[in-house]
Protein backbone atom coordinates (compact mmCIF):
# COMPACT_ATOMS: atom_id res chain seq x y z
CA MET A 1 -50.79 -62.33 -6.26
CA LEU A 2 -48.67 -64.70 -8.37
CA HIS A 3 -50.01 -68.04 -7.18
CA GLY A 4 -49.20 -70.72 -9.72
CA LYS A 5 -47.31 -68.34 -12.02
CA ARG A 6 -43.91 -69.37 -13.38
CA ILE A 7 -41.20 -66.78 -13.94
CA LEU A 8 -38.04 -67.38 -15.95
CA LEU A 9 -35.58 -64.85 -14.55
CA ILE A 10 -32.62 -64.00 -16.79
CA VAL A 11 -29.90 -62.23 -14.82
CA GLY A 12 -27.50 -60.09 -16.84
CA GLY A 13 -23.95 -59.19 -15.92
CA GLY A 14 -23.93 -55.92 -14.03
CA ILE A 15 -23.49 -54.68 -10.49
CA ALA A 16 -27.29 -54.58 -10.18
CA ALA A 17 -27.33 -58.38 -10.47
CA TYR A 18 -27.27 -58.59 -6.68
CA LYS A 19 -30.81 -57.17 -6.66
CA ALA A 20 -31.98 -60.23 -8.58
CA LEU A 21 -31.61 -62.28 -5.39
CA GLU A 22 -34.10 -60.05 -3.57
CA LEU A 23 -36.41 -60.21 -6.59
CA ILE A 24 -36.38 -64.01 -6.41
CA ARG A 25 -37.37 -63.83 -2.76
CA LEU A 26 -40.21 -61.38 -3.46
CA ILE A 27 -41.62 -63.44 -6.34
CA ARG A 28 -41.71 -66.57 -4.21
CA LYS A 29 -43.27 -64.66 -1.34
CA ALA A 30 -46.00 -63.53 -3.77
CA GLY A 31 -46.72 -67.17 -4.62
CA GLY A 32 -44.80 -67.48 -7.88
CA SER A 33 -42.03 -69.88 -8.83
CA VAL A 34 -38.70 -68.73 -10.28
CA THR A 35 -36.26 -70.47 -12.58
CA PRO A 36 -33.03 -68.43 -12.68
CA VAL A 37 -30.79 -68.19 -15.75
CA LEU A 38 -27.40 -66.57 -15.15
CA THR A 39 -25.24 -65.25 -17.95
CA ARG A 40 -21.50 -65.85 -17.68
CA ALA A 41 -21.01 -62.21 -16.69
CA ALA A 42 -23.78 -62.42 -14.07
CA GLN A 43 -21.83 -65.17 -12.31
CA GLU A 44 -19.11 -62.61 -11.59
CA PHE A 45 -21.61 -60.83 -9.29
CA VAL A 46 -23.88 -63.59 -7.92
CA THR A 47 -23.30 -67.31 -7.67
CA PRO A 48 -25.57 -70.05 -9.03
CA LEU A 49 -25.64 -71.53 -5.55
CA SER A 50 -27.14 -68.40 -3.96
CA ALA A 51 -29.74 -68.04 -6.73
CA SER A 52 -30.64 -71.72 -6.50
CA ALA A 53 -30.97 -71.60 -2.72
CA LEU A 54 -33.41 -68.67 -2.86
CA ALA A 55 -35.38 -70.02 -5.82
CA ALA A 56 -35.42 -73.65 -4.63
CA GLU A 57 -34.91 -74.46 -8.32
CA LYS A 58 -32.06 -75.53 -10.55
CA VAL A 59 -30.10 -72.60 -11.98
CA PHE A 60 -29.28 -72.70 -15.70
CA THR A 61 -26.09 -71.19 -17.05
CA ASP A 62 -24.93 -73.09 -20.14
CA LEU A 63 -26.60 -73.53 -23.52
CA PHE A 64 -24.63 -76.71 -24.11
CA ASP A 65 -25.75 -78.66 -21.06
CA LEU A 66 -25.90 -82.07 -22.74
CA THR A 67 -28.56 -83.51 -20.42
CA ASP A 68 -30.99 -80.67 -20.98
CA GLU A 69 -30.21 -80.12 -24.66
CA ALA A 70 -30.94 -83.77 -25.47
CA GLU A 71 -34.58 -82.68 -25.13
CA MET A 72 -34.10 -79.17 -26.57
CA GLY A 73 -34.13 -77.79 -23.05
CA HIS A 74 -33.64 -74.18 -24.12
CA ILE A 75 -36.92 -74.25 -26.06
CA GLU A 76 -38.79 -75.92 -23.21
CA LEU A 77 -37.40 -73.41 -20.72
CA SER A 78 -38.38 -70.44 -22.87
CA ARG A 79 -41.96 -71.56 -23.40
CA SER A 80 -42.93 -73.18 -20.13
CA ALA A 81 -42.88 -69.91 -18.17
CA ASP A 82 -45.74 -67.42 -17.91
CA LEU A 83 -43.32 -64.49 -18.15
CA LEU A 84 -39.64 -63.96 -18.96
CA VAL A 85 -38.02 -61.28 -16.81
CA VAL A 86 -34.61 -59.85 -17.69
CA ALA A 87 -33.12 -58.15 -14.62
CA PRO A 88 -30.73 -56.56 -14.98
CA ALA A 89 -31.09 -56.02 -18.72
CA THR A 90 -27.61 -54.79 -19.61
CA ALA A 91 -26.76 -52.81 -22.75
CA ASP A 92 -25.29 -56.00 -24.21
CA LEU A 93 -28.42 -58.05 -23.51
CA MET A 94 -30.67 -55.32 -24.91
CA ALA A 95 -28.57 -55.23 -28.08
CA LYS A 96 -28.82 -59.00 -28.47
CA MET A 97 -32.57 -58.92 -27.87
CA ALA A 98 -33.08 -56.12 -30.40
CA GLN A 99 -30.95 -57.75 -33.11
CA GLY A 100 -32.00 -61.36 -32.51
CA HIS A 101 -28.57 -62.65 -31.53
CA ALA A 102 -28.49 -66.08 -29.91
CA ASP A 103 -24.94 -66.92 -28.86
CA ASP A 104 -25.52 -68.05 -25.26
CA LEU A 105 -28.31 -69.54 -23.19
CA ALA A 106 -29.92 -66.23 -22.14
CA SER A 107 -30.07 -64.74 -25.64
CA THR A 108 -31.21 -68.05 -27.15
CA LEU A 109 -34.07 -68.27 -24.69
CA LEU A 110 -35.18 -64.76 -25.61
CA VAL A 111 -35.18 -65.52 -29.33
CA ALA A 112 -36.84 -68.93 -28.96
CA THR A 113 -39.80 -67.73 -26.93
CA ASP A 114 -43.32 -66.57 -27.71
CA THR A 115 -43.88 -65.79 -24.01
CA PRO A 116 -44.23 -62.14 -22.91
CA VAL A 117 -40.97 -60.49 -21.82
CA LEU A 118 -40.40 -57.81 -19.18
CA MET A 119 -36.99 -56.14 -18.90
CA ALA A 120 -35.45 -54.01 -16.18
CA PRO A 121 -32.57 -52.08 -17.79
CA ALA A 122 -29.47 -51.25 -15.75
CA MET A 123 -26.27 -49.60 -16.95
CA ASN A 124 -24.07 -46.53 -16.74
CA VAL A 125 -25.88 -43.29 -17.60
CA ARG A 126 -23.73 -42.73 -20.71
CA MET A 127 -24.49 -46.23 -21.92
CA TRP A 128 -28.21 -45.71 -21.36
CA LEU A 129 -28.23 -42.40 -23.23
CA HIS A 130 -26.04 -43.65 -26.08
CA PRO A 131 -27.85 -43.48 -29.45
CA ALA A 132 -27.28 -47.21 -30.04
CA THR A 133 -28.97 -48.15 -26.76
CA GLN A 134 -31.86 -45.80 -27.47
CA ARG A 135 -32.27 -47.32 -30.95
CA ASN A 136 -32.33 -50.79 -29.41
CA LEU A 137 -34.84 -49.62 -26.81
CA ALA A 138 -37.14 -48.28 -29.53
CA THR A 139 -36.89 -51.59 -31.40
CA LEU A 140 -37.67 -53.63 -28.29
CA GLU A 141 -40.65 -51.49 -27.36
CA ALA A 142 -41.96 -51.72 -30.92
CA ASP A 143 -41.60 -55.52 -30.62
CA GLY A 144 -43.83 -55.46 -27.55
CA ILE A 145 -41.15 -55.92 -24.88
CA ALA A 146 -42.39 -54.40 -21.61
CA ARG A 147 -40.05 -52.32 -19.48
CA VAL A 148 -39.75 -51.18 -15.88
CA GLY A 149 -37.19 -48.44 -15.14
CA PRO A 150 -34.46 -47.52 -15.25
CA ASP A 151 -34.48 -45.16 -12.27
CA GLU A 152 -32.41 -42.03 -11.89
CA GLY A 153 -29.86 -41.68 -9.12
CA ASP A 154 -26.29 -42.29 -7.96
CA MET A 155 -24.47 -45.20 -9.57
CA ALA A 156 -21.71 -47.52 -8.48
CA CYS A 157 -19.38 -45.83 -10.99
CA GLY A 158 -19.84 -42.50 -9.20
CA GLU A 159 -22.00 -40.85 -11.86
CA HIS A 160 -25.58 -39.67 -11.45
CA GLY A 161 -28.48 -39.98 -13.89
CA PRO A 162 -30.85 -42.49 -15.47
CA GLY A 163 -29.59 -46.07 -15.57
CA ARG A 164 -30.15 -47.55 -12.10
CA MET A 165 -32.14 -50.76 -12.19
CA ALA A 166 -35.64 -50.41 -10.77
CA GLU A 167 -35.95 -51.66 -7.20
CA PRO A 168 -37.07 -55.28 -6.79
CA THR A 169 -40.41 -54.13 -5.33
CA ALA A 170 -41.11 -52.07 -8.47
CA ILE A 171 -40.16 -55.01 -10.70
CA LEU A 172 -42.47 -57.28 -8.70
CA GLU A 173 -45.29 -54.76 -9.14
CA ALA A 174 -44.68 -54.76 -12.90
CA ILE A 175 -44.77 -58.57 -12.92
CA VAL A 176 -48.05 -58.56 -11.04
CA ASP A 177 -49.45 -55.96 -13.47
CA ARG A 178 -48.82 -58.36 -16.32
CA LEU A 179 -49.77 -61.63 -14.66
CA GLY A 180 -52.12 -60.80 -11.83
CA ARG A 181 -55.80 -60.75 -12.71
CA GLY A 182 -56.89 -57.34 -11.50
CA PRO A 183 -60.50 -56.16 -11.22
CA LEU A 184 -60.18 -54.28 -14.52
CA SER A 185 -58.74 -57.18 -16.51
CA GLY A 186 -60.37 -57.31 -19.92
CA ARG A 187 -61.54 -53.69 -19.70
CA HIS A 188 -60.49 -50.99 -22.15
CA ILE A 189 -60.25 -47.52 -20.62
CA LEU A 190 -59.43 -44.32 -22.46
CA VAL A 191 -57.56 -41.56 -20.60
CA THR A 192 -56.78 -38.05 -21.89
CA SER A 193 -54.03 -36.06 -20.22
CA GLY A 194 -51.94 -32.91 -20.36
CA PRO A 195 -52.69 -29.58 -22.04
CA THR A 196 -53.40 -28.86 -25.68
CA HIS A 197 -51.39 -26.27 -27.61
CA GLU A 198 -53.35 -24.12 -30.05
CA PRO A 199 -50.89 -22.35 -32.39
CA ILE A 200 -50.95 -18.58 -32.87
CA ASP A 201 -47.86 -18.67 -35.06
CA PRO A 202 -44.86 -21.04 -35.28
CA VAL A 203 -43.50 -19.89 -31.89
CA ARG A 204 -46.59 -18.96 -29.83
CA TYR A 205 -49.63 -20.88 -28.71
CA ILE A 206 -52.66 -20.83 -26.40
CA ALA A 207 -52.51 -23.42 -23.60
CA ASN A 208 -53.43 -24.29 -20.02
CA ARG A 209 -51.09 -24.70 -17.05
CA SER A 210 -51.24 -28.51 -16.92
CA SER A 211 -48.27 -30.83 -16.35
CA GLY A 212 -50.22 -33.99 -17.12
CA ALA A 213 -49.12 -35.50 -13.78
CA GLN A 214 -52.63 -36.40 -12.63
CA GLY A 215 -53.48 -38.02 -15.96
CA THR A 216 -50.26 -40.04 -15.87
CA ALA A 217 -51.03 -41.21 -12.34
CA ILE A 218 -54.55 -42.26 -13.37
CA GLY A 219 -53.26 -44.21 -16.36
CA ALA A 220 -50.72 -46.02 -14.17
CA ALA A 221 -53.33 -46.84 -11.51
CA LEU A 222 -55.71 -48.31 -14.10
CA VAL A 223 -52.94 -50.47 -15.59
CA ARG A 224 -52.15 -51.80 -12.11
CA LEU A 225 -55.75 -52.99 -11.84
CA GLY A 226 -55.41 -54.88 -15.11
CA ALA A 227 -56.99 -52.44 -17.58
CA LYS A 228 -55.92 -51.98 -21.16
CA VAL A 229 -55.37 -48.21 -21.32
CA THR A 230 -55.28 -45.96 -24.37
CA PHE A 231 -53.48 -42.83 -23.17
CA ILE A 232 -54.06 -39.75 -25.34
CA THR A 233 -51.78 -36.95 -24.25
CA GLY A 234 -51.09 -33.40 -25.27
CA PRO A 235 -47.58 -31.91 -24.89
CA ALA A 236 -47.32 -32.60 -21.15
CA THR A 237 -44.19 -32.30 -19.01
CA ALA A 238 -45.05 -35.53 -17.15
CA ALA A 239 -44.04 -38.66 -19.05
CA PRO A 240 -46.78 -41.15 -19.97
CA PRO A 241 -47.09 -44.16 -17.65
CA GLU A 242 -45.63 -47.52 -18.56
CA GLY A 243 -47.90 -50.24 -19.86
CA VAL A 244 -50.29 -47.99 -21.82
CA SER A 245 -50.85 -47.40 -25.53
CA VAL A 246 -49.71 -43.80 -26.04
CA VAL A 247 -51.23 -41.46 -28.62
CA ARG A 248 -49.57 -38.01 -28.78
CA VAL A 249 -51.47 -34.96 -30.00
CA GLU A 250 -51.01 -31.19 -29.98
CA THR A 251 -54.39 -29.53 -30.47
CA ALA A 252 -57.95 -30.03 -29.23
CA ARG A 253 -59.13 -31.10 -32.67
CA GLU A 254 -56.36 -33.69 -32.89
CA MET A 255 -57.32 -34.95 -29.43
CA LEU A 256 -60.97 -35.35 -30.42
CA LYS A 257 -60.00 -37.37 -33.50
CA ALA A 258 -57.73 -39.58 -31.40
CA VAL A 259 -60.50 -40.13 -28.84
CA GLU A 260 -63.01 -41.11 -31.52
CA ALA A 261 -60.47 -43.47 -33.09
CA ALA A 262 -59.80 -45.14 -29.73
CA LEU A 263 -63.45 -45.99 -29.07
CA PRO A 264 -65.15 -48.26 -28.14
CA ALA A 265 -64.09 -48.31 -24.49
CA ASP A 266 -65.64 -49.44 -21.23
CA ALA A 267 -64.81 -46.12 -19.58
CA ALA A 268 -63.28 -42.79 -20.52
CA VAL A 269 -61.46 -40.46 -18.14
CA PHE A 270 -61.03 -36.95 -19.55
CA ALA A 271 -58.26 -35.52 -17.38
CA ALA A 272 -56.73 -33.34 -20.12
CA ALA A 273 -56.80 -29.55 -19.77
CA VAL A 274 -58.09 -28.80 -23.26
CA ALA A 275 -57.82 -25.20 -24.45
CA ASP A 276 -61.33 -23.75 -24.88
CA TRP A 277 -60.31 -21.46 -27.75
CA ARG A 278 -58.08 -21.54 -30.81
CA VAL A 279 -56.97 -18.84 -33.22
CA SER A 280 -59.28 -18.79 -36.24
CA SER A 281 -56.36 -18.68 -38.63
CA SER A 282 -52.88 -19.18 -37.22
CA SER A 283 -50.00 -17.43 -38.94
CA GLY A 284 -47.47 -19.43 -40.93
CA SER A 285 -44.68 -17.10 -39.86
CA LYS A 286 -43.85 -15.32 -36.61
CA ILE A 287 -46.05 -12.29 -35.96
CA LYS A 288 -43.80 -9.22 -35.61
CA LYS A 289 -44.33 -6.00 -33.69
CA ASP A 290 -45.21 -3.21 -36.10
CA GLY A 291 -43.84 -0.36 -33.94
CA SER A 292 -47.26 1.12 -33.22
CA GLY A 293 -47.42 -0.30 -29.71
CA SER A 294 -50.74 -1.97 -30.54
CA PRO A 295 -51.03 -5.76 -30.09
CA PRO A 296 -52.12 -7.87 -33.04
CA SER A 297 -55.81 -8.61 -33.35
CA LEU A 298 -56.55 -12.31 -32.84
CA SER A 299 -59.86 -13.81 -33.88
CA LEU A 300 -60.78 -16.85 -31.77
CA ASP A 301 -62.98 -19.87 -32.45
CA GLU A 302 -64.35 -22.26 -29.84
CA ASN A 303 -62.66 -25.66 -29.76
CA PRO A 304 -64.70 -28.85 -29.93
CA ASP A 305 -66.03 -30.01 -26.56
CA ILE A 306 -64.54 -33.50 -26.28
CA LEU A 307 -66.22 -34.41 -22.99
CA ALA A 308 -69.68 -33.33 -24.18
CA THR A 309 -69.23 -35.00 -27.57
CA VAL A 310 -68.48 -38.40 -26.01
CA SER A 311 -71.04 -38.02 -23.21
CA ARG A 312 -73.84 -37.37 -25.73
CA MET A 313 -73.01 -40.21 -28.09
CA THR A 314 -76.04 -42.31 -28.97
CA GLY A 315 -73.99 -45.27 -30.12
CA GLY A 316 -70.63 -46.45 -28.83
CA ARG A 317 -70.72 -44.29 -25.71
CA PRO A 318 -68.50 -45.67 -22.94
CA ARG A 319 -70.45 -47.09 -20.06
CA LEU A 320 -68.73 -44.66 -17.70
CA VAL A 321 -67.66 -41.15 -18.77
CA ILE A 322 -65.67 -39.08 -16.27
CA GLY A 323 -64.78 -35.43 -16.68
CA PHE A 324 -62.55 -33.07 -14.72
CA ALA A 325 -63.38 -29.55 -13.62
CA ALA A 326 -60.49 -27.29 -12.66
CA GLU A 327 -62.10 -24.34 -10.91
CA THR A 328 -60.93 -21.30 -8.96
CA ASP A 329 -64.26 -20.17 -7.44
CA ASP A 330 -67.41 -21.95 -6.19
CA VAL A 331 -65.77 -25.23 -7.07
CA VAL A 332 -68.59 -27.67 -6.27
CA ALA A 333 -71.37 -25.48 -7.68
CA ASN A 334 -69.52 -24.79 -10.92
CA ALA A 335 -68.48 -28.43 -11.32
CA THR A 336 -72.03 -29.65 -10.66
CA ALA A 337 -73.34 -27.31 -13.33
CA LYS A 338 -70.60 -28.47 -15.72
CA ARG A 339 -71.56 -32.12 -15.19
CA ALA A 340 -75.19 -31.38 -16.06
CA ARG A 341 -74.17 -29.32 -19.07
CA LYS A 342 -71.76 -31.92 -20.47
CA GLY A 343 -73.82 -35.01 -19.69
CA CYS A 344 -71.00 -37.05 -18.13
CA ASP A 345 -71.53 -39.62 -15.37
CA TRP A 346 -68.99 -38.28 -12.88
CA ILE A 347 -67.00 -35.11 -12.66
CA VAL A 348 -63.84 -34.73 -10.60
CA ALA A 349 -63.59 -31.16 -9.34
CA ASN A 350 -60.57 -29.45 -7.85
CA ASP A 351 -59.60 -25.97 -6.74
CA VAL A 352 -56.70 -24.79 -8.90
CA SER A 353 -56.47 -21.24 -7.61
CA PRO A 354 -52.80 -20.20 -7.26
CA ALA A 355 -52.77 -20.45 -3.46
CA THR A 356 -53.48 -24.21 -3.58
CA GLY A 357 -50.37 -25.07 -5.61
CA ILE A 358 -52.33 -27.91 -7.23
CA MET A 359 -51.97 -26.95 -10.90
CA GLY A 360 -48.58 -28.36 -11.85
CA GLY A 361 -47.93 -29.58 -8.27
CA THR A 362 -47.58 -33.04 -6.75
CA GLU A 363 -50.79 -33.09 -4.69
CA ASN A 364 -54.49 -32.76 -5.36
CA ALA A 365 -57.70 -32.29 -3.38
CA VAL A 366 -60.76 -33.36 -5.32
CA THR A 367 -64.51 -33.67 -4.98
CA VAL A 368 -66.19 -36.42 -6.99
CA ILE A 369 -69.68 -35.48 -8.14
CA ASP A 370 -72.18 -38.02 -9.46
CA ASP A 371 -75.91 -38.76 -9.26
CA SER A 372 -75.68 -39.33 -5.51
CA GLY A 373 -74.08 -35.96 -4.75
CA ALA A 374 -70.62 -34.60 -3.98
CA GLU A 375 -67.95 -36.62 -2.17
CA ALA A 376 -64.97 -34.59 -0.97
CA TRP A 377 -61.66 -36.45 -0.74
CA PRO A 378 -58.85 -35.25 1.54
CA ARG A 379 -55.78 -33.69 -0.02
CA ALA A 380 -53.30 -36.38 -1.07
CA THR A 381 -50.60 -37.07 -3.63
CA LYS A 382 -51.79 -37.33 -7.21
CA GLU A 383 -50.83 -41.01 -7.17
CA GLN A 384 -53.06 -41.62 -4.14
CA VAL A 385 -55.95 -39.76 -5.77
CA ALA A 386 -55.44 -41.82 -8.92
CA ARG A 387 -55.49 -45.13 -7.05
CA ARG A 388 -58.68 -44.19 -5.25
CA LEU A 389 -60.32 -43.11 -8.49
CA ALA A 390 -59.20 -46.31 -10.27
CA ASN A 391 -60.70 -48.43 -7.51
CA ARG A 392 -63.95 -46.48 -7.75
CA ILE A 393 -64.02 -47.05 -11.51
CA ALA A 394 -63.44 -50.79 -10.99
CA ASP A 395 -66.35 -50.94 -8.53
CA ALA A 396 -68.63 -49.06 -10.93
CA LEU A 397 -67.81 -51.31 -13.91
CA GLU A 398 -68.62 -54.40 -11.87
């Protein structure tokens, strides 16, 4: 997966530094080469000798190594790699990266490079949630620094929460995502996800029971295959996947505008549960009971049909347009009719009746309907469904 790829691995000073040794082993097993850089604090947790033995490369620790610096070694190191990986990325390292400090070898490498950077944060939960760390995180993400983790769980300090460094296997997967040439490399795919909220008044809205979990899983699966993904999401409870360009919207009309702005695309996956109706004129203040016992009268307008609008485009239509059909009765028949009515290429149908537990749950059971008929897939996790769908999309675009 990483044959011929060169990784410069910067190891920060934290208890998670021991995981860097396993990461070195995994990168080499995947065919990549690793040059380790250990900060002074990292050497309190792992030794240069152990890192060098696993990497089969010289380990760098000091900015003022006279032999290397005679040829500006820190610049050569920073630019000769295909990817810089910071694992663990401590709060101190993140602060240096965000502010452009360069007072040791690791921070100097990060400032002197034009090579892509991937960081795996690791720190105490309070440090991770501290406003300063979150400000630095926002700066780094705006600068284009990719991130994997942190995970949530028990920590060496005895606390529990977000801050654990992602496991080496997850970091390897993120490295492969950025360096491996997947079957969707060079493809732009648009994904919509989550519900839309159509305001009735400042505190009430019309919506669907969607968590956005399936859309998030699809976005992640497409990124793993090398796609550039524009991820347009309503107010979902599931967080957007890493590695996508996120566009946040509230209403169906906002989602349509965002979709049109994101085109052209090679494929579009409309997994969002868009509200069919909106209030004709939402109230600017909370609607109060009037004491009569009668509910307020709400006039509804039909929302724009995003799937049909894109499917019927005469110019700039994605080569592959995929819709979703959440049904409670006659699932295949209703979804087949919806596909014909909308004009999309495929429709992914699922039974969301309450007994299935699918809407808002962790699993899905879908039937993919296209020109050749209906293909029922066995019930699986939403991540498994997403991977299968992503592979099917990759095959179709070839």
